[in-house]
Amino acid sequence: MISNERPSPFGHRPYSDRPPKPRVEEDTLKTETIQIERKTFIFTLKENPRGRFLRISEIVNGRRDNVIIPATGLEDFLKIAEEMVTAAAEIPGKDQ
């Protein structure tokens, strides 16, 4: 048996006869990029028929990973990010 012919543990074949999902049109509203050490982060505020969202992309050595946060959760996300910045400044590191 060829490796890609094994049944999926999720109950469906890896290659399905179903047609691919149609592409959802997204409008880019704002983009910002930041370089931190060897990582590049791209923050993109987008909008599609389902609403607005923030896509945070991390690019490391040519590989891209994404996190998508609906606009309805951005204030909560910011609050936690601010708490983490405060904690990083207040909690001593292990090397200190």
PDB file of N, CA and C in Angstrom:
ATOM      1  N   MET A   1       0.848  -1.183   0.000  1.00  0.00           N
ATOM      2  CA  MET A   1       0.000   0.000   0.000  1.00  0.00           C
ATOM      3  C   MET A   1       0.890   1.242   0.000  1.00  0.00           C
ATOM      4  N   ILE A   2       0.589   2.194  -0.840  1.00  0.00           N
ATOM      5  CA  ILE A   2       1.317   3.449  -0.894  1.00  0.00           C
ATOM      6  C   ILE A   2       0.849   4.322   0.258  1.00  0.00           C
ATOM      7  N   SER A   3       1.774   5.096   0.829  1.00  0.00           N
ATOM      8  CA  SER A   3       1.461   5.860   2.040  1.00  0.00           C
ATOM      9  C   SER A   3       0.259   6.777   1.882  1.00  0.00           C
ATOM     10  N   ASN A   4       0.064   7.372   0.697  1.00  0.00           N
ATOM     11  CA  ASN A   4      -1.073   8.277   0.548  1.00  0.00           C
ATOM     12  C   ASN A   4      -2.377   7.537   0.265  1.00  0.00           C
ATOM     13  N   GLU A   5      -2.342   6.215   0.260  1.00  0.00           N
ATOM     14  CA  GLU A   5      -3.570   5.428   0.072  1.00  0.00           C
ATOM     15  C   GLU A   5      -4.116   4.910   1.391  1.00  0.00           C
ATOM     16  N   ARG A   6      -3.393   5.121   2.485  1.00  0.00           N
ATOM     17  CA  ARG A   6      -3.889   4.660   3.784  1.00  0.00           C
ATOM     18  C   ARG A   6      -5.139   5.431   4.165  1.00  0.00           C
ATOM     19  N   PRO A   7      -6.062   4.757   4.835  1.00  0.00           N
ATOM     20  CA  PRO A   7      -7.257   5.492   5.279  1.00  0.00           C
ATOM     21  C   PRO A   7      -6.872   6.563   6.295  1.00  0.00           C
ATOM     22  N   SER A   8      -7.560   7.667   6.235  1.00  0.00           N
ATOM     23  CA  SER A   8      -7.304   8.764   7.143  1.00  0.00           C
ATOM     24  C   SER A   8      -7.857   8.441   8.526  1.00  0.00           C
ATOM     25  N   PRO A   9      -7.156   8.833   9.596  1.00  0.00           N
ATOM     26  CA  PRO A   9      -7.686   8.622  10.942  1.00  0.00           C
ATOM     27  C   PRO A   9      -8.910   9.490  11.217  1.00  0.00           C
ATOM     28  N   PHE A  10      -9.185  10.446  10.322  1.00  0.00           N
ATOM     29  CA  PHE A  10     -10.321  11.344  10.510  1.00  0.00           C
ATOM     30  C   PHE A  10     -11.561  10.856   9.786  1.00  0.00           C
ATOM     31  N   GLY A  11     -11.514   9.669   9.194  1.00  0.00           N
ATOM     32  CA  GLY A  11     -12.703   9.084   8.595  1.00  0.00           C
ATOM     33  C   GLY A  11     -12.963   9.475   7.155  1.00  0.00           C
ATOM     34  N   HIS A  12     -12.026  10.089   6.479  1.00  0.00           N
ATOM     35  CA  HIS A  12     -12.221  10.405   5.074  1.00  0.00           C
ATOM     36  C   HIS A  12     -10.891  10.221   4.335  1.00  0.00           C
ATOM     37  N   ARG A  13     -10.990  10.059   3.048  1.00  0.00           N
ATOM     38  CA  ARG A  13      -9.787   9.867   2.250  1.00  0.00           C
ATOM     39  C   ARG A  13      -9.035  11.185   2.128  1.00  0.00           C
ATOM     40  N   PRO A  14      -7.696  11.091   2.033  1.00  0.00           N
ATOM     41  CA  PRO A  14      -6.939  12.329   1.913  1.00  0.00           C
ATOM     42  C   PRO A  14      -7.263  13.112   0.650  1.00  0.00           C
ATOM     43  N   TYR A  15      -7.586  12.423  -0.425  1.00  0.00           N
ATOM     44  CA  TYR A  15      -7.942  13.091  -1.668  1.00  0.00           C
ATOM     45  C   TYR A  15      -9.384  12.755  -1.976  1.00  0.00           C
ATOM     46  N   SER A  16     -10.240  13.732  -1.905  1.00  0.00           N
ATOM     47  CA  SER A  16     -11.667  13.513  -2.039  1.00  0.00           C
ATOM     48  C   SER A  16     -12.130  13.829  -3.450  1.00  0.00           C
ATOM     49  N   ASP A  17     -13.298  13.293  -3.796  1.00  0.00           N
ATOM     50  CA  ASP A  17     -13.915  13.591  -5.092  1.00  0.00           C
ATOM     51  C   ASP A  17     -14.711  14.889  -5.023  1.00  0.00           C
ATOM     52  N   ARG A  18     -14.815  15.472  -3.834  1.00  0.00           N
ATOM     53  CA  ARG A  18     -15.562  16.720  -3.677  1.00  0.00           C
ATOM     54  C   ARG A  18     -14.818  17.860  -4.343  1.00  0.00           C
ATOM     55  N   PRO A  19     -15.553  18.786  -4.928  1.00  0.00           N
ATOM     56  CA  PRO A  19     -14.868  19.940  -5.523  1.00  0.00           C
ATOM     57  C   PRO A  19     -14.293  20.828  -4.423  1.00  0.00           C
ATOM     58  N   PRO A  20     -13.225  21.564  -4.723  1.00  0.00           N
ATOM     59  CA  PRO A  20     -12.649  22.453  -3.706  1.00  0.00           C
ATOM     60  C   PRO A  20     -13.621  23.570  -3.352  1.00  0.00           C
ATOM     61  N   LYS A  21     -13.457  24.081  -2.133  1.00  0.00           N
ATOM     62  CA  LYS A  21     -14.306  25.191  -1.702  1.00  0.00           C
ATOM     63  C   LYS A  21     -14.017  26.408  -2.572  1.00  0.00           C
ATOM     64  N   PRO A  22     -15.066  27.174  -2.887  1.00  0.00           N
ATOM     65  CA  PRO A  22     -14.827  28.374  -3.693  1.00  0.00           C
ATOM     66  C   PRO A  22     -14.018  29.397  -2.894  1.00  0.00           C
ATOM     67  N   ARG A  23     -13.192  30.135  -3.582  1.00  0.00           N
ATOM     68  CA  ARG A  23     -12.371  31.163  -2.940  1.00  0.00           C
ATOM     69  C   ARG A  23     -13.257  32.312  -2.468  1.00  0.00           C
ATOM     70  N   VAL A  24     -13.057  32.739  -1.237  1.00  0.00           N
ATOM     71  CA  VAL A  24     -13.807  33.860  -0.670  1.00  0.00           C
ATOM     72  C   VAL A  24     -13.025  35.135  -0.957  1.00  0.00           C
ATOM     73  N   GLU A  25     -13.690  36.092  -1.564  1.00  0.00           N
ATOM     74  CA  GLU A  25     -13.045  37.371  -1.854  1.00  0.00           C
ATOM     75  C   GLU A  25     -12.808  38.134  -0.559  1.00  0.00           C
ATOM     76  N   GLU A  26     -11.594  38.647  -0.405  1.00  0.00           N
ATOM     77  CA  GLU A  26     -11.222  39.418   0.768  1.00  0.00           C
ATOM     78  C   GLU A  26     -10.656  40.756   0.323  1.00  0.00           C
ATOM     79  N   ASP A  27     -11.070  41.813   0.992  1.00  0.00           N
ATOM     80  CA  ASP A  27     -10.515  43.143   0.747  1.00  0.00           C
ATOM     81  C   ASP A  27      -9.511  43.454   1.845  1.00  0.00           C
ATOM     82  N   THR A  28      -8.343  43.926   1.473  1.00  0.00           N
ATOM     83  CA  THR A  28      -7.331  44.338   2.438  1.00  0.00           C
ATOM     84  C   THR A  28      -7.572  45.792   2.797  1.00  0.00           C
ATOM     85  N   LEU A  29      -7.746  46.058   4.098  1.00  0.00           N
ATOM     86  CA  LEU A  29      -8.018  47.407   4.580  1.00  0.00           C
ATOM     87  C   LEU A  29      -6.755  48.107   5.065  1.00  0.00           C
ATOM     88  N   LYS A  30      -5.832  47.346   5.679  1.00  0.00           N
ATOM     89  CA  LYS A  30      -4.587  47.939   6.187  1.00  0.00           C
ATOM     90  C   LYS A  30      -3.585  46.813   6.418  1.00  0.00           C
ATOM     91  N   THR A  31      -2.313  47.110   6.157  1.00  0.00           N
ATOM     92  CA  THR A  31      -1.246  46.130   6.368  1.00  0.00           C
ATOM     93  C   THR A  31      -0.057  46.806   7.029  1.00  0.00           C
ATOM     94  N   GLU A  32       0.527  46.141   8.011  1.00  0.00           N
ATOM     95  CA  GLU A  32       1.754  46.601   8.668  1.00  0.00           C
ATOM     96  C   GLU A  32       2.684  45.394   8.806  1.00  0.00           C
ATOM     97  N   THR A  33       3.979  45.636   8.653  1.00  0.00           N
ATOM     98  CA  THR A  33       4.975  44.575   8.756  1.00  0.00           C
ATOM     99  C   THR A  33       6.003  44.962   9.806  1.00  0.00           C
ATOM    100  N   ILE A  34       6.452  43.962  10.586  1.00  0.00           N
ATOM    101  CA  ILE A  34       7.485  44.197  11.595  1.00  0.00           C
ATOM    102  C   ILE A  34       8.474  43.034  11.542  1.00  0.00           C
ATOM    103  N   GLN A  35       9.753  43.375  11.663  1.00  0.00           N
ATOM    104  CA  GLN A  35      10.820  42.381  11.695  1.00  0.00           C
ATOM    105  C   GLN A  35      11.323  42.284  13.130  1.00  0.00           C
ATOM    106  N   ILE A  36      11.292  41.090  13.719  1.00  0.00           N
ATOM    107  CA  ILE A  36      11.790  40.857  15.068  1.00  0.00           C
ATOM    108  C   ILE A  36      12.745  39.678  14.995  1.00  0.00           C
ATOM    109  N   GLU A  37      14.004  39.959  15.232  1.00  0.00           N
ATOM    110  CA  GLU A  37      15.068  38.964  15.105  1.00  0.00           C
ATOM    111  C   GLU A  37      15.000  38.341  13.708  1.00  0.00           C
ATOM    112  N   ARG A  38      14.854  37.030  13.599  1.00  0.00           N
ATOM    113  CA  ARG A  38      14.814  36.387  12.277  1.00  0.00           C
ATOM    114  C   ARG A  38      13.392  36.185  11.765  1.00  0.00           C
ATOM    115  N   LYS A  39      12.421  36.741  12.452  1.00  0.00           N
ATOM    116  CA  LYS A  39      11.017  36.544  12.074  1.00  0.00           C
ATOM    117  C   LYS A  39      10.437  37.816  11.496  1.00  0.00           C
ATOM    118  N   THR A  40       9.574  37.644  10.529  1.00  0.00           N
ATOM    119  CA  THR A  40       8.811  38.758   9.971  1.00  0.00           C
ATOM    120  C   THR A  40       7.346  38.512  10.304  1.00  0.00           C
ATOM    121  N   PHE A  41       6.701  39.526  10.863  1.00  0.00           N
ATOM    122  CA  PHE A  41       5.278  39.444  11.170  1.00  0.00           C
ATOM    123  C   PHE A  41       4.539  40.428  10.282  1.00  0.00           C
ATOM    124  N   ILE A  42       3.463  39.964   9.674  1.00  0.00           N
ATOM    125  CA  ILE A  42       2.634  40.818   8.835  1.00  0.00           C
ATOM    126  C   ILE A  42       1.240  40.855   9.460  1.00  0.00           C
ATOM    127  N   PHE A  43       0.785  42.043   9.796  1.00  0.00           N
ATOM    128  CA  PHE A  43      -0.549  42.249  10.357  1.00  0.00           C
ATOM    129  C   PHE A  43      -1.412  42.827   9.242  1.00  0.00           C
ATOM    130  N   THR A  44      -2.469  42.119   8.877  1.00  0.00           N
ATOM    131  CA  THR A  44      -3.326  42.560   7.782  1.00  0.00           C
ATOM    132  C   THR A  44      -4.768  42.588   8.244  1.00  0.00           C
ATOM    133  N   LEU A  45      -5.370  43.771   8.222  1.00  0.00           N
ATOM    134  CA  LEU A  45      -6.788  43.909   8.522  1.00  0.00           C
ATOM    135  C   LEU A  45      -7.529  43.689   7.216  1.00  0.00           C
ATOM    136  N   LYS A  46      -8.430  42.703   7.224  1.00  0.00           N
ATOM    137  CA  LYS A  46      -9.147  42.326   6.003  1.00  0.00           C
ATOM    138  C   LYS A  46     -10.642  42.312   6.268  1.00  0.00           C
ATOM    139  N   GLU A  47     -11.381  42.231   5.167  1.00  0.00           N
ATOM    140  CA  GLU A  47     -12.839  42.145   5.249  1.00  0.00           C
ATOM    141  C   GLU A  47     -13.319  41.214   4.142  1.00  0.00           C
ATOM    142  N   ASN A  48     -14.272  40.363   4.499  1.00  0.00           N
ATOM    143  CA  ASN A  48     -14.927  39.511   3.512  1.00  0.00           C
ATOM    144  C   ASN A  48     -16.428  39.519   3.821  1.00  0.00           C
ATOM    145  N   PRO A  49     -17.233  38.783   3.082  1.00  0.00           N
ATOM    146  CA  PRO A  49     -18.686  38.818   3.339  1.00  0.00           C
ATOM    147  C   PRO A  49     -19.081  38.411   4.763  1.00  0.00           C
ATOM    148  N   ARG A  50     -18.229  37.691   5.462  1.00  0.00           N
ATOM    149  CA  ARG A  50     -18.542  37.270   6.829  1.00  0.00           C
ATOM    150  C   ARG A  50     -18.158  38.319   7.865  1.00  0.00           C
ATOM    151  N   GLY A  51     -17.357  39.322   7.485  1.00  0.00           N
ATOM    152  CA  GLY A  51     -16.978  40.379   8.420  1.00  0.00           C
ATOM    153  C   GLY A  51     -15.514  40.739   8.322  1.00  0.00           C
ATOM    154  N   ARG A  52     -15.066  41.549   9.278  1.00  0.00           N
ATOM    155  CA  ARG A  52     -13.672  41.987   9.331  1.00  0.00           C
ATOM    156  C   ARG A  52     -12.884  41.068  10.255  1.00  0.00           C
ATOM    157  N   PHE A  53     -11.569  40.979   9.959  1.00  0.00           N
ATOM    158  CA  PHE A  53     -10.703  40.134  10.771  1.00  0.00           C
ATOM    159  C   PHE A  53      -9.258  40.594  10.615  1.00  0.00           C
ATOM    160  N   LEU A  54      -8.453  40.232  11.580  1.00  0.00           N
ATOM    161  CA  LEU A  54      -7.028  40.507  11.546  1.00  0.00           C
ATOM    162  C   LEU A  54      -6.306  39.198  11.261  1.00  0.00           C
ATOM    163  N   ARG A  55      -5.501  39.198  10.216  1.00  0.00           N
ATOM    164  CA  ARG A  55      -4.658  38.036   9.915  1.00  0.00           C
ATOM    165  C   ARG A  55      -3.241  38.403  10.323  1.00  0.00           C
ATOM    166  N   ILE A  56      -2.674  37.596  11.220  1.00  0.00           N
ATOM    167  CA  ILE A  56      -1.287  37.773  11.633  1.00  0.00           C
ATOM    168  C   ILE A  56      -0.502  36.636  11.006  1.00  0.00           C
ATOM    169  N   SER A  57       0.432  36.996  10.130  1.00  0.00           N
ATOM    170  CA  SER A  57       1.269  36.002   9.461  1.00  0.00           C
ATOM    171  C   SER A  57       2.675  36.089  10.020  1.00  0.00           C
ATOM    172  N   GLU A  58       3.262  34.931  10.266  1.00  0.00           N
ATOM    173  CA  GLU A  58       4.639  34.839  10.728  1.00  0.00           C
ATOM    174  C   GLU A  58       5.421  34.141   9.625  1.00  0.00           C
ATOM    175  N   ILE A  59       6.496  34.755   9.190  1.00  0.00           N
ATOM    176  CA  ILE A  59       7.323  34.153   8.152  1.00  0.00           C
ATOM    177  C   ILE A  59       8.703  33.895   8.744  1.00  0.00           C
ATOM    178  N   VAL A  60       9.090  32.619   8.750  1.00  0.00           N
ATOM    179  CA  VAL A  60      10.392  32.212   9.252  1.00  0.00           C
ATOM    180  C   VAL A  60      11.004  31.278   8.222  1.00  0.00           C
ATOM    181  N   ASN A  61      12.158  31.646   7.717  1.00  0.00           N
ATOM    182  CA  ASN A  61      12.860  30.819   6.724  1.00  0.00           C
ATOM    183  C   ASN A  61      11.955  30.419   5.561  1.00  0.00           C
ATOM    184  N   GLY A  62      11.129  31.337   5.084  1.00  0.00           N
ATOM    185  CA  GLY A  62      10.267  31.081   3.941  1.00  0.00           C
ATOM    186  C   GLY A  62       8.973  30.365   4.261  1.00  0.00           C
ATOM    187  N   ARG A  63       8.783  29.930   5.488  1.00  0.00           N
ATOM    188  CA  ARG A  63       7.550  29.233   5.882  1.00  0.00           C
ATOM    189  C   ARG A  63       6.602  30.239   6.524  1.00  0.00           C
ATOM    190  N   ARG A  64       5.333  30.176   6.131  1.00  0.00           N
ATOM    191  CA  ARG A  64       4.347  31.138   6.630  1.00  0.00           C
ATOM    192  C   ARG A  64       3.290  30.414   7.462  1.00  0.00           C
ATOM    193  N   ASP A  65       3.040  30.962   8.647  1.00  0.00           N
ATOM    194  CA  ASP A  65       1.959  30.482   9.509  1.00  0.00           C
ATOM    195  C   ASP A  65       1.029  31.662   9.762  1.00  0.00           C
ATOM    196  N   ASN A  66      -0.274  31.377   9.880  1.00  0.00           N
ATOM    197  CA  ASN A  66      -1.274  32.431  10.046  1.00  0.00           C
ATOM    198  C   ASN A  66      -2.126  32.200  11.282  1.00  0.00           C
ATOM    199  N   VAL A  67      -2.515  33.304  11.894  1.00  0.00           N
ATOM    200  CA  VAL A  67      -3.525  33.312  12.951  1.00  0.00           C
ATOM    201  C   VAL A  67      -4.558  34.331  12.517  1.00  0.00           C
ATOM    202  N   ILE A  68      -5.827  33.970  12.603  1.00  0.00           N
ATOM    203  CA  ILE A  68      -6.895  34.883  12.199  1.00  0.00           C
ATOM    204  C   ILE A  68      -7.755  35.187  13.417  1.00  0.00           C
ATOM    205  N   ILE A  69      -7.942  36.483  13.671  1.00  0.00           N
ATOM    206  CA  ILE A  69      -8.736  36.931  14.814  1.00  0.00           C
ATOM    207  C   ILE A  69      -9.900  37.756  14.291  1.00  0.00           C
ATOM    208  N   PRO A  70     -11.146  37.323  14.542  1.00  0.00           N
ATOM    209  CA  PRO A  70     -12.291  38.121  14.112  1.00  0.00           C
ATOM    210  C   PRO A  70     -12.245  39.501  14.775  1.00  0.00           C
ATOM    211  N   ALA A  71     -12.716  40.509  14.069  1.00  0.00           N
ATOM    212  CA  ALA A  71     -12.703  41.877  14.586  1.00  0.00           C
ATOM    213  C   ALA A  71     -13.431  41.984  15.919  1.00  0.00           C
ATOM    214  N   THR A  72     -14.435  41.146  16.137  1.00  0.00           N
ATOM    215  CA  THR A  72     -15.183  41.191  17.398  1.00  0.00           C
ATOM    216  C   THR A  72     -14.321  40.799  18.594  1.00  0.00           C
ATOM    217  N   GLY A  73     -13.174  40.156  18.368  1.00  0.00           N
ATOM    218  CA  GLY A  73     -12.301  39.742  19.463  1.00  0.00           C
ATOM    219  C   GLY A  73     -11.040  40.563  19.591  1.00  0.00           C
ATOM    220  N   LEU A  74     -10.889  41.607  18.774  1.00  0.00           N
ATOM    221  CA  LEU A  74      -9.643  42.372  18.788  1.00  0.00           C
ATOM    222  C   LEU A  74      -9.402  43.110  20.103  1.00  0.00           C
ATOM    223  N   GLU A  75     -10.444  43.654  20.724  1.00  0.00           N
ATOM    224  CA  GLU A  75     -10.250  44.349  22.000  1.00  0.00           C
ATOM    225  C   GLU A  75      -9.777  43.383  23.079  1.00  0.00           C
ATOM    226  N   ASP A  76     -10.358  42.181  23.140  1.00  0.00           N
ATOM    227  CA  ASP A  76      -9.923  41.171  24.111  1.00  0.00           C
ATOM    228  C   ASP A  76      -8.492  40.740  23.820  1.00  0.00           C
ATOM    229  N   PHE A  77      -8.167  40.576  22.539  1.00  0.00           N
ATOM    230  CA  PHE A  77      -6.819  40.192  22.134  1.00  0.00           C
ATOM    231  C   PHE A  77      -5.819  41.256  22.578  1.00  0.00           C
ATOM    232  N   LEU A  78      -6.138  42.525  22.345  1.00  0.00           N
ATOM    233  CA  LEU A  78      -5.266  43.625  22.739  1.00  0.00           C
ATOM    234  C   LEU A  78      -5.079  43.654  24.253  1.00  0.00           C
ATOM    235  N   LYS A  79      -6.146  43.443  24.993  1.00  0.00           N
ATOM    236  CA  LYS A  79      -6.066  43.461  26.455  1.00  0.00           C
ATOM    237  C   LYS A  79      -5.092  42.398  26.947  1.00  0.00           C
ATOM    238  N   ILE A  80      -5.187  41.195  26.407  1.00  0.00           N
ATOM    239  CA  ILE A  80      -4.291  40.121  26.830  1.00  0.00           C
ATOM    240  C   ILE A  80      -2.861  40.405  26.373  1.00  0.00           C
ATOM    241  N   ALA A  81      -2.691  40.935  25.176  1.00  0.00           N
ATOM    242  CA  ALA A  81      -1.349  41.274  24.694  1.00  0.00           C
ATOM    243  C   ALA A  81      -0.708  42.314  25.602  1.00  0.00           C
ATOM    244  N   GLU A  82      -1.470  43.325  26.025  1.00  0.00           N
ATOM    245  CA  GLU A  82      -0.953  44.340  26.938  1.00  0.00           C
ATOM    246  C   GLU A  82      -0.566  43.725  28.281  1.00  0.00           C
ATOM    247  N   GLU A  83      -1.368  42.770  28.779  1.00  0.00           N
ATOM    248  CA  GLU A  83      -1.045  42.081  30.024  1.00  0.00           C
ATOM    249  C   GLU A  83       0.251  41.290  29.886  1.00  0.00           C
ATOM    250  N   MET A  84       0.465  40.685  28.730  1.00  0.00           N
ATOM    251  CA  MET A  84       1.687  39.910  28.502  1.00  0.00           C
ATOM    252  C   MET A  84       2.909  40.821  28.428  1.00  0.00           C
ATOM    253  N   VAL A  85       2.770  41.999  27.819  1.00  0.00           N
ATOM    254  CA  VAL A  85       3.872  42.963  27.753  1.00  0.00           C
ATOM    255  C   VAL A  85       4.238  43.401  29.167  1.00  0.00           C
ATOM    256  N   THR A  86       3.246  43.692  29.988  1.00  0.00           N
ATOM    257  CA  THR A  86       3.485  44.090  31.374  1.00  0.00           C
ATOM    258  C   THR A  86       4.178  42.972  32.148  1.00  0.00           C
ATOM    259  N   ALA A  87       3.680  41.755  31.999  1.00  0.00           N
ATOM    260  CA  ALA A  87       4.267  40.612  32.705  1.00  0.00           C
ATOM    261  C   ALA A  87       5.708  40.375  32.256  1.00  0.00           C
ATOM    262  N   ALA A  88       5.988  40.512  30.966  1.00  0.00           N
ATOM    263  CA  ALA A  88       7.349  40.301  30.454  1.00  0.00           C
ATOM    264  C   ALA A  88       8.312  41.310  31.050  1.00  0.00           C
ATOM    265  N   ALA A  89       7.832  42.521  31.322  1.00  0.00           N
ATOM    266  CA  ALA A  89       8.686  43.551  31.904  1.00  0.00           C
ATOM    267  C   ALA A  89       8.857  43.375  33.420  1.00  0.00           C
ATOM    268  N   GLU A  90       7.855  42.801  34.076  1.00  0.00           N
ATOM    269  CA  GLU A  90       7.857  42.709  35.534  1.00  0.00           C
ATOM    270  C   GLU A  90       8.447  41.409  36.077  1.00  0.00           C
ATOM    271  N   ILE A  91       8.215  40.309  35.403  1.00  0.00           N
ATOM    272  CA  ILE A  91       8.660  39.007  35.897  1.00  0.00           C
ATOM    273  C   ILE A  91      10.135  38.822  35.538  1.00  0.00           C
ATOM    274  N   PRO A  92      10.977  38.558  36.546  1.00  0.00           N
ATOM    275  CA  PRO A  92      12.392  38.398  36.249  1.00  0.00           C
ATOM    276  C   PRO A  92      12.643  37.138  35.405  1.00  0.00           C
ATOM    277  N   GLY A  93      13.643  37.247  34.540  1.00  0.00           N
ATOM    278  CA  GLY A  93      14.011  36.103  33.707  1.00  0.00           C
ATOM    279  C   GLY A  93      14.782  35.058  34.494  1.00  0.00           C
ATOM    280  N   LYS A  94      14.905  33.861  33.964  1.00  0.00           N
ATOM    281  CA  LYS A  94      15.617  32.777  34.651  1.00  0.00           C
ATOM    282  C   LYS A  94      17.110  33.050  34.752  1.00  0.00           C
ATOM    283  N   ASP A  95      17.650  33.861  33.849  1.00  0.00           N
ATOM    284  CA  ASP A  95      19.081  34.133  33.866  1.00  0.00           C
ATOM    285  C   ASP A  95      19.451  35.276  34.802  1.00  0.00           C
ATOM    286  N   GLN A  96      18.473  35.864  35.497  1.00  0.00           N
ATOM    287  CA  GLN A  96      18.759  36.996  36.383  1.00  0.00           C
ATOM    288  C   GLN A  96      18.893  36.530  37.816  1.00  0.00           C
TER     289      GLN A  96
END
